[in-house]
Amino acid sequence: AEPSNPGIVDNSEEFNGSSWAEGDNLNTARYDVAGFGIQTAAVAVGGANAPAALTNVEHYDGTSWTNATALSATQRNMGACGIQTAGLIFAGNLGPPPEAKTGLTQGYDGTAWSSRPSMSTSRIQVSPAHAGTSTLTFAAGGNVTNPVTNATEEFTGETTTGNIADVTT
């Protein structure tokens, strides 16, 4: 943890199917970071290091973290899914607090970031789910303004717009 703010950390943990173990530290300590990938090819993206929001992106090879192509704009507190060579980040905040929520969606091919269709509803703290590399991404709920929302959206491809629906209980 950073001495001036114990809530900002650079730790990473690995799960082997039955237990957790400490992995190599990130190059940049942060909070509100998103991640996707597998244990030997993961990505840590965005986040904040009080009070600044970050564009930092790091790759993990199962042993250590290396810096990768940064985001073109800060993004934190977002959903993420995919693999290291076909990832997606969506929603979140675009800067340090207090900043507006966004529906911004960006795709990652392992080396470069590109724009994807934005979500219909700007939100933070979504619960992402994922199937395939870009065939279906599902974002459930989230914090729109307070109170939270039960609206969901699915991303069904790189050139289509998001579809929105409400989850009924």
Protein backbone atom coordinates (compact mmCIF):
# COMPACT_ATOMS: atom_id res chain seq x y z
CA ALA A 1 0.00 0.00 0.00
CA GLU A 2 1.04 3.55 -0.60
CA PRO A 3 2.11 5.15 2.73
CA SER A 4 0.01 8.32 2.26
CA ASN A 5 -3.18 6.39 1.53
CA PRO A 6 -3.48 2.80 2.78
CA GLY A 7 -6.52 2.23 0.49
CA ILE A 8 -4.35 2.38 -2.64
CA VAL A 9 -2.53 -0.89 -3.25
CA ASP A 10 -0.35 -2.56 -5.86
CA ASN A 11 -0.97 -6.15 -4.70
CA SER A 12 -2.29 -8.91 -6.92
CA GLU A 13 -3.58 -12.31 -5.87
CA GLU A 14 -3.72 -15.55 -7.86
CA PHE A 15 -6.35 -18.28 -7.40
CA ASN A 16 -5.29 -21.81 -8.37
CA GLY A 17 -8.74 -23.41 -8.05
CA SER A 18 -8.58 -24.04 -4.33
CA SER A 19 -6.55 -21.28 -2.65
CA TRP A 20 -5.24 -17.74 -3.04
CA ALA A 21 -1.55 -16.75 -3.16
CA GLU A 22 0.13 -13.39 -3.51
CA GLY A 23 1.28 -12.61 -7.04
CA ASP A 24 3.73 -10.01 -8.32
CA ASN A 25 2.84 -6.38 -7.54
CA LEU A 26 1.36 -4.04 -10.15
CA ASN A 27 3.71 -1.34 -11.43
CA THR A 28 1.18 1.36 -10.43
CA ALA A 29 -0.72 1.23 -7.13
CA ARG A 30 -4.43 2.02 -7.59
CA TYR A 31 -8.05 1.38 -6.65
CA ASP A 32 -11.23 1.08 -8.80
CA VAL A 33 -9.14 -0.88 -11.33
CA ALA A 34 -10.76 -3.35 -13.75
CA GLY A 35 -9.28 -6.59 -14.96
CA PHE A 36 -9.84 -9.37 -17.46
CA GLY A 37 -8.03 -12.35 -18.94
CA ILE A 38 -6.67 -15.61 -17.57
CA GLN A 39 -4.03 -16.36 -14.93
CA THR A 40 -1.16 -16.37 -17.44
CA ALA A 41 -2.43 -13.56 -19.71
CA ALA A 42 -4.32 -10.94 -17.71
CA VAL A 43 -4.91 -7.20 -18.05
CA ALA A 44 -5.30 -4.55 -15.32
CA VAL A 45 -6.80 -1.36 -16.71
CA GLY A 46 -7.55 2.15 -15.50
CA GLY A 47 -8.39 2.91 -11.90
CA ALA A 48 -7.43 5.79 -9.66
CA ASN A 49 -4.53 6.79 -7.44
CA ALA A 50 -6.07 9.52 -5.30
CA PRO A 51 -6.97 12.01 -6.38
CA ALA A 52 -6.06 11.32 -10.02
CA ALA A 53 -7.86 8.89 -12.30
CA LEU A 54 -5.50 6.78 -14.43
CA THR A 55 -5.04 5.62 -18.01
CA ASN A 56 -2.55 2.91 -17.00
CA VAL A 57 -2.80 -0.57 -18.52
CA GLU A 58 -0.64 -3.52 -17.42
CA HIS A 59 -0.27 -7.09 -18.73
CA TYR A 60 0.35 -10.09 -16.47
CA ASP A 61 2.13 -13.16 -17.85
CA GLY A 62 1.62 -15.38 -14.80
CA THR A 63 4.81 -14.10 -13.19
CA SER A 64 5.11 -10.31 -13.55
CA TRP A 65 3.30 -7.17 -14.69
CA THR A 66 4.50 -5.01 -17.61
CA ASN A 67 3.18 -1.68 -18.81
CA ALA A 68 1.05 -1.79 -21.96
CA THR A 69 -0.71 0.71 -24.24
CA ALA A 70 -2.54 3.26 -22.08
CA LEU A 71 -6.19 4.24 -22.45
CA SER A 72 -6.76 7.44 -24.43
CA ALA A 73 -8.81 8.84 -21.52
CA THR A 74 -9.08 8.00 -17.83
CA GLN A 75 -11.68 5.42 -16.87
CA ARG A 76 -12.29 3.80 -13.48
CA ASN A 77 -14.93 1.89 -11.53
CA MET A 78 -16.03 0.09 -14.72
CA GLY A 79 -16.96 -3.39 -15.85
CA ALA A 80 -14.51 -5.53 -17.79
CA CYS A 81 -14.46 -8.90 -19.51
CA GLY A 82 -12.62 -10.89 -22.15
CA ILE A 83 -9.16 -12.25 -22.73
CA GLN A 84 -5.88 -10.38 -23.10
CA THR A 85 -6.22 -10.20 -26.89
CA ALA A 86 -9.98 -9.49 -27.00
CA GLY A 87 -11.13 -7.45 -24.00
CA LEU A 88 -13.87 -4.96 -23.30
CA ILE A 89 -14.28 -2.26 -20.64
CA PHE A 90 -17.53 -0.39 -20.15
CA ALA A 91 -19.33 2.13 -17.94
CA GLY A 92 -17.61 3.66 -14.91
CA ASN A 93 -16.26 7.13 -14.21
CA LEU A 94 -14.09 9.24 -16.47
CA GLY A 95 -12.07 11.11 -13.90
CA PRO A 96 -11.36 11.71 -10.24
CA PRO A 97 -14.29 12.20 -7.81
CA PRO A 98 -16.76 13.75 -8.15
CA GLU A 99 -17.06 12.93 -11.83
CA ALA A 100 -19.92 11.96 -14.06
CA LYS A 101 -20.84 8.36 -14.74
CA THR A 102 -20.38 7.14 -18.30
CA GLY A 103 -21.55 4.47 -20.71
CA LEU A 104 -18.22 4.61 -22.59
CA THR A 105 -17.16 1.25 -24.03
CA GLN A 106 -13.66 0.47 -25.29
CA GLY A 107 -12.30 -2.70 -26.89
CA TYR A 108 -8.77 -4.06 -26.59
CA ASP A 109 -6.95 -6.36 -29.03
CA GLY A 110 -3.89 -6.93 -26.85
CA THR A 111 -2.00 -3.92 -28.19
CA ALA A 112 -4.47 -1.11 -28.97
CA TRP A 113 -7.72 0.34 -27.61
CA SER A 114 -10.64 1.36 -29.85
CA SER A 115 -14.13 2.78 -29.40
CA ARG A 116 -17.16 0.51 -29.24
CA PRO A 117 -20.85 1.45 -29.02
CA SER A 118 -21.60 3.18 -25.71
CA MET A 119 -24.03 1.76 -23.19
CA SER A 120 -27.53 3.25 -23.24
CA THR A 121 -27.42 4.00 -19.51
CA SER A 122 -24.38 5.59 -17.84
CA ARG A 123 -23.52 3.77 -14.61
CA ILE A 124 -20.78 2.57 -12.28
CA GLN A 125 -20.28 -0.66 -10.33
CA VAL A 126 -21.86 -2.99 -12.89
CA SER A 127 -21.82 -6.77 -12.58
CA PRO A 128 -20.33 -8.00 -15.87
CA ALA A 129 -20.75 -11.43 -17.41
CA HIS A 130 -19.14 -12.67 -20.60
CA ALA A 131 -19.46 -15.42 -23.21
CA GLY A 132 -17.13 -15.63 -26.22
CA THR A 133 -14.65 -12.95 -27.25
CA SER A 134 -17.11 -10.33 -28.55
CA THR A 135 -20.37 -12.20 -28.96
CA LEU A 136 -22.19 -11.46 -25.72
CA THR A 137 -21.35 -9.23 -22.81
CA PHE A 138 -23.98 -8.65 -20.16
CA ALA A 139 -23.92 -5.79 -17.64
CA ALA A 140 -26.43 -6.13 -14.83
CA GLY A 141 -27.56 -3.38 -12.54
CA GLY A 142 -25.17 -0.81 -11.19
CA ASN A 143 -25.30 2.56 -9.54
CA VAL A 144 -26.94 5.12 -11.84
CA THR A 145 -27.47 8.02 -9.45
CA ASN A 146 -28.63 6.49 -6.16
CA PRO A 147 -30.60 4.40 -5.78
CA VAL A 148 -29.14 1.53 -7.76
CA THR A 149 -30.73 0.21 -10.95
CA ASN A 150 -31.92 -3.17 -12.15
CA ALA A 151 -31.46 -2.20 -15.82
CA THR A 152 -29.29 -4.55 -17.85
CA GLU A 153 -27.61 -4.21 -21.23
CA GLU A 154 -26.03 -6.71 -23.54
CA PHE A 155 -23.27 -6.15 -26.05
CA THR A 156 -23.69 -8.53 -28.96
CA GLY A 157 -20.95 -7.43 -31.34
CA GLU A 158 -18.49 -4.75 -32.21
CA THR A 159 -20.71 -2.79 -34.59
CA THR A 160 -24.14 -3.05 -32.97
CA THR A 161 -25.65 -0.84 -30.33
CA GLY A 162 -26.32 -2.10 -26.85
CA ASN A 163 -29.71 -3.56 -25.99
CA ILE A 164 -31.25 -2.57 -22.68
CA ALA A 165 -33.72 -4.45 -20.52
CA ASP A 166 -34.82 -4.50 -16.91
CA VAL A 167 -34.31 -7.56 -14.76
CA THR A 168 -37.50 -8.49 -12.97
CA THR A 169 -37.42 -10.00 -9.53
